[in-house]
Protein backbone atom coordinates (compact mmCIF):
# COMPACT_ATOMS: atom_id res chain seq x y z
CA MET A 1 7.92 -0.34 13.12
CA TYR A 2 4.93 1.26 14.82
CA ALA A 3 1.57 -0.49 14.32
CA SER A 4 -1.89 -0.06 15.77
CA VAL A 5 -3.91 -3.22 16.37
CA THR A 6 -7.69 -3.07 16.69
CA ASN A 7 -9.36 -6.28 17.81
CA GLY A 8 -12.55 -6.98 15.88
CA ARG A 9 -15.57 -9.21 16.37
CA SER A 10 -15.00 -11.43 13.35
CA ASP A 11 -12.33 -14.13 13.13
CA ARG A 12 -10.65 -12.38 10.18
CA THR A 13 -7.38 -10.44 10.60
CA VAL A 14 -6.41 -7.84 7.99
CA LEU A 15 -3.04 -6.15 7.57
CA LEU A 16 -3.38 -2.73 5.88
CA LEU A 17 -0.28 -1.31 4.18
CA HIS A 18 -0.31 2.36 3.22
CA GLY A 19 1.33 4.07 0.28
CA GLY A 20 4.51 6.12 0.14
CA GLY A 21 4.43 9.56 1.74
CA VAL A 22 1.34 8.84 3.82
CA GLY A 23 0.71 6.74 6.95
CA GLY A 24 -1.64 4.22 8.46
CA TRP A 25 -4.14 7.05 8.91
CA MET A 26 -4.96 6.86 5.16
CA TRP A 27 -7.17 3.82 5.89
CA ARG A 28 -9.49 5.64 8.31
CA PRO A 29 -12.19 6.56 5.75
CA ALA A 30 -12.42 2.97 4.46
CA ILE A 31 -12.26 1.49 7.97
CA ALA A 32 -15.16 3.70 9.01
CA GLU A 33 -17.25 2.09 6.25
CA LEU A 34 -16.50 -1.52 7.23
CA ARG A 35 -19.38 -3.48 8.76
CA SER A 36 -17.73 -6.84 9.39
CA GLU A 37 -15.31 -5.60 12.09
CA PRO A 38 -12.20 -7.69 11.39
CA THR A 39 -9.11 -7.39 13.56
CA LEU A 40 -6.94 -4.73 11.92
CA ILE A 41 -3.16 -4.43 11.97
CA VAL A 42 -2.23 -0.98 10.63
CA PRO A 43 1.47 -0.14 10.62
CA ASP A 44 3.26 3.03 9.74
CA LEU A 45 5.94 1.80 7.36
CA PRO A 46 9.58 2.66 8.14
CA GLY A 47 10.34 6.32 7.57
CA HIS A 48 6.66 7.30 7.68
CA ASP A 49 4.67 9.12 10.36
CA ARG A 50 5.07 7.34 13.73
CA SER A 51 7.88 5.20 12.28
CA SER A 52 9.73 8.20 10.80
CA ALA A 53 12.69 7.80 13.15
CA THR A 54 13.66 4.59 11.33
CA PRO A 55 14.54 5.32 7.69
CA TYR A 56 13.15 3.18 4.90
CA VAL A 57 15.94 0.87 3.73
CA SER A 58 14.46 -1.55 1.22
CA HIS A 59 11.38 -3.59 0.32
CA ALA A 60 13.21 -6.74 1.44
CA GLN A 61 13.93 -5.34 4.90
CA THR A 62 10.37 -4.03 5.27
CA VAL A 63 8.86 -7.39 4.27
CA ARG A 64 10.94 -9.09 6.96
CA GLU A 65 9.58 -6.62 9.52
CA LEU A 66 6.02 -7.12 8.29
CA ALA A 67 6.38 -10.90 8.61
CA GLU A 68 7.50 -10.42 12.21
CA LEU A 69 4.53 -8.13 12.80
CA ILE A 70 2.10 -10.80 11.57
CA GLU A 71 3.76 -13.49 13.68
CA ARG A 72 3.53 -11.24 16.72
CA HIS A 73 -0.10 -10.17 16.38
CA ALA A 74 -1.93 -12.95 14.50
CA ASP A 75 -2.62 -16.59 15.32
CA GLY A 76 -2.55 -17.66 11.67
CA PRO A 77 -2.46 -16.39 8.10
CA VAL A 78 -3.93 -12.94 7.47
CA ALA A 79 -5.47 -11.01 4.61
CA VAL A 80 -3.06 -8.35 3.36
CA VAL A 81 -4.30 -5.19 1.64
CA GLY A 82 -1.77 -2.77 0.21
CA PHE A 83 -1.96 0.52 -1.68
CA SER A 84 0.76 1.78 -4.07
CA LEU A 85 4.07 1.29 -2.22
CA GLY A 86 2.17 -0.87 0.26
CA ALA A 87 0.70 -2.87 -2.64
CA GLN A 88 4.19 -3.76 -3.85
CA LEU A 89 5.04 -4.90 -0.32
CA ALA A 90 1.79 -6.90 -0.14
CA ALA A 91 2.62 -8.75 -3.36
CA LEU A 92 6.18 -9.38 -2.20
CA LEU A 93 5.03 -10.61 1.21
CA ALA A 94 2.53 -13.00 -0.39
CA ALA A 95 5.20 -14.27 -2.80
CA GLU A 96 7.91 -14.78 -0.18
CA ARG A 97 5.91 -15.74 2.91
CA PRO A 98 2.71 -17.41 1.63
CA GLU A 99 2.31 -19.32 4.90
CA LEU A 100 1.51 -15.97 6.56
CA VAL A 101 -0.91 -14.68 3.89
CA ASP A 102 -4.16 -16.42 2.96
CA ARG A 103 -5.25 -13.70 0.52
CA VAL A 104 -3.86 -10.44 -0.82
CA ALA A 105 -5.40 -7.30 -2.32
CA VAL A 106 -3.00 -5.30 -4.47
CA VAL A 107 -4.26 -1.77 -5.09
CA SER A 108 -2.44 0.43 -7.61
CA ALA A 109 0.94 -1.29 -7.60
CA GLN A 110 3.48 -0.39 -10.25
CA ALA A 111 5.03 -3.65 -11.45
CA GLU A 112 6.87 -2.37 -14.51
CA PRO A 113 10.32 -0.80 -13.96
CA THR A 114 10.57 2.88 -14.84
CA PRO A 115 13.18 3.79 -17.50
CA ALA A 116 16.08 5.95 -16.28
CA PRO A 117 15.30 5.76 -12.54
CA GLY A 118 18.60 7.48 -11.75
CA PHE A 119 17.49 10.68 -13.47
CA ILE A 120 14.16 10.67 -11.62
CA LEU A 121 15.83 10.02 -8.26
CA GLY A 122 18.35 12.78 -8.90
CA LEU A 123 15.57 15.25 -9.59
CA LEU A 124 13.68 14.00 -6.54
CA GLY A 125 16.71 14.51 -4.34
CA VAL A 126 16.92 18.15 -5.42
CA THR A 127 13.20 18.83 -4.93
CA ALA A 128 12.82 16.81 -1.68
CA PRO A 129 12.78 19.92 0.57
CA LEU A 130 9.54 21.04 -1.12
CA ALA A 131 7.70 18.29 0.75
CA ARG A 132 8.07 20.39 3.88
CA ARG A 133 6.37 23.38 2.25
CA ARG A 134 2.67 23.48 3.05
CA TRP A 135 1.59 24.67 -0.39
CA PHE A 136 3.49 21.89 -2.17
CA ALA A 137 2.32 19.17 0.24
CA THR A 138 -1.27 20.39 -0.18
CA LEU A 139 -0.98 19.97 -3.96
CA GLN A 140 0.37 16.45 -3.48
CA ALA A 141 -2.47 15.62 -1.11
CA ARG A 142 -4.99 16.52 -3.79
CA GLU A 143 -3.34 14.11 -6.21
CA LEU A 144 -3.94 11.31 -3.69
CA PHE A 145 -7.51 12.44 -2.94
CA VAL A 146 -6.66 13.06 0.72
CA PRO A 147 -9.84 14.52 2.27
CA ALA A 148 -9.78 17.77 4.23
CA SER A 149 -10.28 15.83 7.46
CA LEU A 150 -6.91 14.09 6.95
CA LEU A 151 -4.95 17.00 5.49
CA ASP A 152 -3.15 17.76 8.77
CA ASP A 153 -2.12 14.10 9.00
CA TYR A 154 -0.74 14.27 5.46
CA LEU A 155 1.14 17.51 6.09
CA ARG A 156 2.67 16.11 9.30
CA THR A 157 3.70 12.87 7.60
CA SER A 158 5.06 14.58 4.50
CA ALA A 159 7.19 16.93 6.61
CA GLY A 160 8.60 13.98 8.56
CA VAL A 161 9.77 11.91 5.60
CA SER A 162 13.55 12.18 5.37
CA ARG A 163 15.48 12.51 2.12
CA ALA A 164 16.99 9.06 2.74
CA THR A 165 13.56 7.47 3.13
CA LEU A 166 12.18 9.28 0.11
CA LEU A 167 15.00 8.16 -2.18
CA ALA A 168 15.05 4.58 -0.88
CA ALA A 169 11.29 4.06 -1.04
CA VAL A 170 10.84 5.73 -4.43
CA GLY A 171 13.89 3.91 -5.81
CA GLU A 172 12.40 0.56 -4.80
CA ASN A 173 9.05 1.62 -6.23
CA LEU A 174 10.51 2.59 -9.60
CA ARG A 175 12.47 -0.65 -9.97
CA PHE A 176 9.76 -3.04 -8.78
CA THR A 177 8.61 -5.87 -10.99
CA VAL A 178 6.49 -9.00 -10.50
CA PRO A 179 8.15 -11.00 -7.68
CA PRO A 180 9.56 -14.42 -8.68
CA GLY A 181 7.33 -16.31 -6.24
CA TRP A 182 4.13 -14.47 -7.16
CA ALA A 183 2.99 -17.05 -9.73
CA ALA A 184 3.02 -19.76 -7.04
CA PHE A 185 1.01 -17.88 -4.40
CA PRO A 186 -1.73 -20.36 -3.37
CA GLY A 187 -4.22 -17.92 -1.83
CA ARG A 188 -6.81 -15.59 -3.31
CA ALA A 189 -5.60 -12.40 -4.98
CA LEU A 190 -7.55 -9.27 -5.88
CA ILE A 191 -5.81 -6.71 -8.09
CA LEU A 192 -7.27 -3.22 -8.46
CA ALA A 193 -6.25 -0.16 -10.47
CA GLY A 194 -8.06 3.06 -11.30
CA ALA A 195 -9.31 3.60 -14.85
CA LYS A 196 -7.89 7.14 -14.71
CA GLU A 197 -4.45 6.18 -13.42
CA ARG A 198 -1.35 6.38 -15.58
CA ALA A 199 -1.22 3.69 -18.26
CA VAL A 200 1.74 2.03 -16.53
CA MET A 201 -0.45 1.34 -13.50
CA ARG A 202 -3.13 -0.36 -15.56
CA ARG A 203 -0.50 -2.36 -17.44
CA SER A 204 1.06 -3.34 -14.13
CA ALA A 205 -2.28 -4.55 -12.79
CA ARG A 206 -2.78 -6.71 -15.87
CA ARG A 207 0.79 -8.01 -15.62
CA LEU A 208 0.26 -9.08 -12.02
CA ALA A 209 -3.06 -10.73 -12.88
CA GLU A 210 -1.63 -12.60 -15.87
CA ALA A 211 1.29 -13.84 -13.78
CA LEU A 212 -0.97 -15.41 -11.14
CA PRO A 213 -3.57 -17.85 -12.48
CA GLY A 214 -6.91 -17.52 -10.72
CA SER A 215 -6.34 -13.97 -9.53
CA GLU A 216 -9.09 -11.39 -9.95
CA LEU A 217 -8.45 -8.13 -11.81
CA GLU A 218 -10.71 -5.09 -11.65
CA ILE A 219 -10.14 -1.70 -13.26
CA VAL A 220 -12.20 0.73 -11.20
CA GLU A 221 -14.13 3.26 -13.24
CA SER A 222 -13.78 7.00 -12.48
CA CYS A 223 -10.86 6.43 -10.10
CA GLY A 224 -7.33 7.75 -10.22
CA HIS A 225 -4.37 6.84 -8.03
CA GLY A 226 -6.06 6.82 -4.65
CA ILE A 227 -9.02 4.40 -4.73
CA PRO A 228 -9.23 3.84 -0.92
CA LEU A 229 -9.36 7.61 -0.33
CA GLN A 230 -11.31 8.59 -3.42
CA ARG A 231 -14.10 6.04 -2.95
CA PRO A 232 -13.82 4.66 0.61
CA ASP A 233 -17.43 3.45 0.72
CA TRP A 234 -17.06 1.45 -2.51
CA PHE A 235 -13.66 0.17 -1.43
CA ALA A 236 -14.97 -1.06 1.94
CA ARG A 237 -17.86 -2.92 0.28
CA ARG A 238 -15.49 -4.47 -2.26
CA LEU A 239 -13.10 -5.61 0.45
CA GLU A 240 -15.88 -7.13 2.50
CA ARG A 241 -17.18 -9.14 -0.46
CA TRP A 242 -13.64 -10.32 -1.16
CA LEU A 243 -12.98 -11.23 2.47
CA ALA A 244 -16.18 -13.28 2.58
CA GLU A 245 -15.30 -15.34 -0.49
CA GLY A 246 -13.95 -18.87 -0.18
């Protein structure tokens, strides 16, 4: 798994996990707004962008790789911030490897299984080639609030996602539920969802918060599915407050 590591001036290390169909580049607008300069570990998840040569297999396999990444690049537990697909991985990593995670921010994670995933995956398999069409990818980019400055990155990443990766990652996403070890996570947890997201996303955020006593839930006004890209300045300030707590 490819990952960029930027050494910061503070003693905080943050692992940033992107969503499905994008890459580590999605964090650039928020990173540009950060003032505290933590050390940043920003991977491209399997099957995505610079890791596209290795297909996405499963959440379990990816979490094992992320744990190895932390052990390789950090001297101790890190803060993990994940969006969408990456948010599911962040919650799973915190639940299964709490010794590596001192706090976790879960942004727009679906944690309620989708009915009839087989039908959705079948339809996705048929329409997968559209992701390589510029007009279709551009429409998808708008849904995620990808700014014009990152559109080429999105188009490149979208075109490089294989059918195998798409079906595996989306299948895991659709079936995801609150991890068994989540309720016992001992660190701080921040759970965010956009007020304008689908109802299942808001329900999922509440489900995750209710399952972990002491976690912090915030429904972000005026935001859809894409908070870090839609409001990167707000998101950076919120992260910095959260990182400074405790």
